[in-house]
Amino acid sequence: MAFDPFTGVEVAAGSPADRPRAAVLGLEPPRYCAECGRRMVVQVVPDGWTARCSRHGQLESAAGP
């Protein structure tokens, strides 16, 4: 992972990311691609979310029970 998926900041070796509280608690979907740092198109639905990077494809949250 080269970029923080919640802030889009490049992750240096060993430096902690300053993530929003909701992201730390697992309440927020990733907004940036972890590979390239581009802003993703995110859609939140009642049972999860999808996030799409124009270069690296789509991520999905785990489906509910």
Protein backbone atom coordinates (compact mmCIF):
# COMPACT_ATOMS: atom_id res chain seq x y z
CA MET A 1 0.00 0.00 0.00
CA ALA A 2 1.55 3.28 -1.10
CA PHE A 3 -1.28 5.67 -0.13
CA ASP A 4 -3.65 5.89 2.83
CA PRO A 5 -7.13 4.91 1.57
CA PHE A 6 -8.89 7.37 3.89
CA THR A 7 -6.74 10.51 3.49
CA GLY A 8 -4.95 9.98 0.16
CA VAL A 9 -1.61 10.89 1.73
CA GLU A 10 1.46 8.93 0.66
CA VAL A 11 2.41 6.51 3.41
CA ALA A 12 6.10 6.70 4.33
CA ALA A 13 7.73 3.67 5.93
CA GLY A 14 6.82 3.64 9.60
CA SER A 15 4.89 6.93 9.70
CA PRO A 16 1.37 6.67 11.15
CA ALA A 17 -1.49 8.09 9.10
CA ASP A 18 -3.69 10.74 10.70
CA ARG A 19 -7.03 9.10 9.90
CA PRO A 20 -10.47 10.52 10.66
CA ARG A 21 -12.12 9.02 13.77
CA ALA A 22 -14.93 7.41 11.72
CA ALA A 23 -12.36 5.60 9.55
CA VAL A 24 -10.52 4.30 12.63
CA LEU A 25 -13.81 2.92 13.96
CA GLY A 26 -14.60 1.23 10.62
CA LEU A 27 -17.61 3.43 9.89
CA GLU A 28 -16.25 5.12 6.76
CA PRO A 29 -15.48 3.53 3.36
CA PRO A 30 -12.11 4.21 1.73
CA ARG A 31 -12.16 7.37 -0.41
CA TYR A 32 -8.74 7.11 -2.11
CA CYS A 33 -7.07 4.28 -4.04
CA ALA A 34 -4.35 2.64 -1.93
CA GLU A 35 -2.25 1.96 -5.06
CA CYS A 36 -2.27 5.33 -6.82
CA GLY A 37 -3.84 7.83 -4.39
CA ARG A 38 -6.59 8.90 -6.81
CA ARG A 39 -10.00 9.84 -5.45
CA MET A 40 -12.45 6.96 -5.95
CA VAL A 41 -16.15 6.99 -6.81
CA VAL A 42 -17.86 5.66 -3.66
CA GLN A 43 -21.44 4.47 -3.32
CA VAL A 44 -22.84 3.68 0.12
CA VAL A 45 -25.89 1.43 0.40
CA PRO A 46 -27.67 0.09 3.52
CA ASP A 47 -25.75 -3.19 3.53
CA GLY A 48 -22.27 -1.95 2.52
CA TRP A 49 -20.38 0.12 -0.03
CA THR A 50 -18.54 -0.01 -3.36
CA ALA A 51 -15.53 2.10 -4.32
CA ARG A 52 -14.18 2.34 -7.87
CA CYS A 53 -10.77 3.60 -8.99
CA SER A 54 -10.54 4.61 -12.65
CA ARG A 55 -7.17 2.81 -12.91
CA HIS A 56 -7.36 -0.16 -10.52
CA GLY A 57 -10.96 -1.32 -10.54
CA GLN A 58 -13.62 -1.82 -7.87
CA LEU A 59 -13.56 -2.67 -4.17
CA GLU A 60 -16.61 -3.88 -2.23
CA SER A 61 -17.38 -4.20 1.44
CA ALA A 62 -18.21 -7.64 2.76
CA ALA A 63 -21.85 -8.55 2.28
CA GLY A 64 -23.98 -8.76 5.39
CA PRO A 65 -25.27 -12.05 6.90
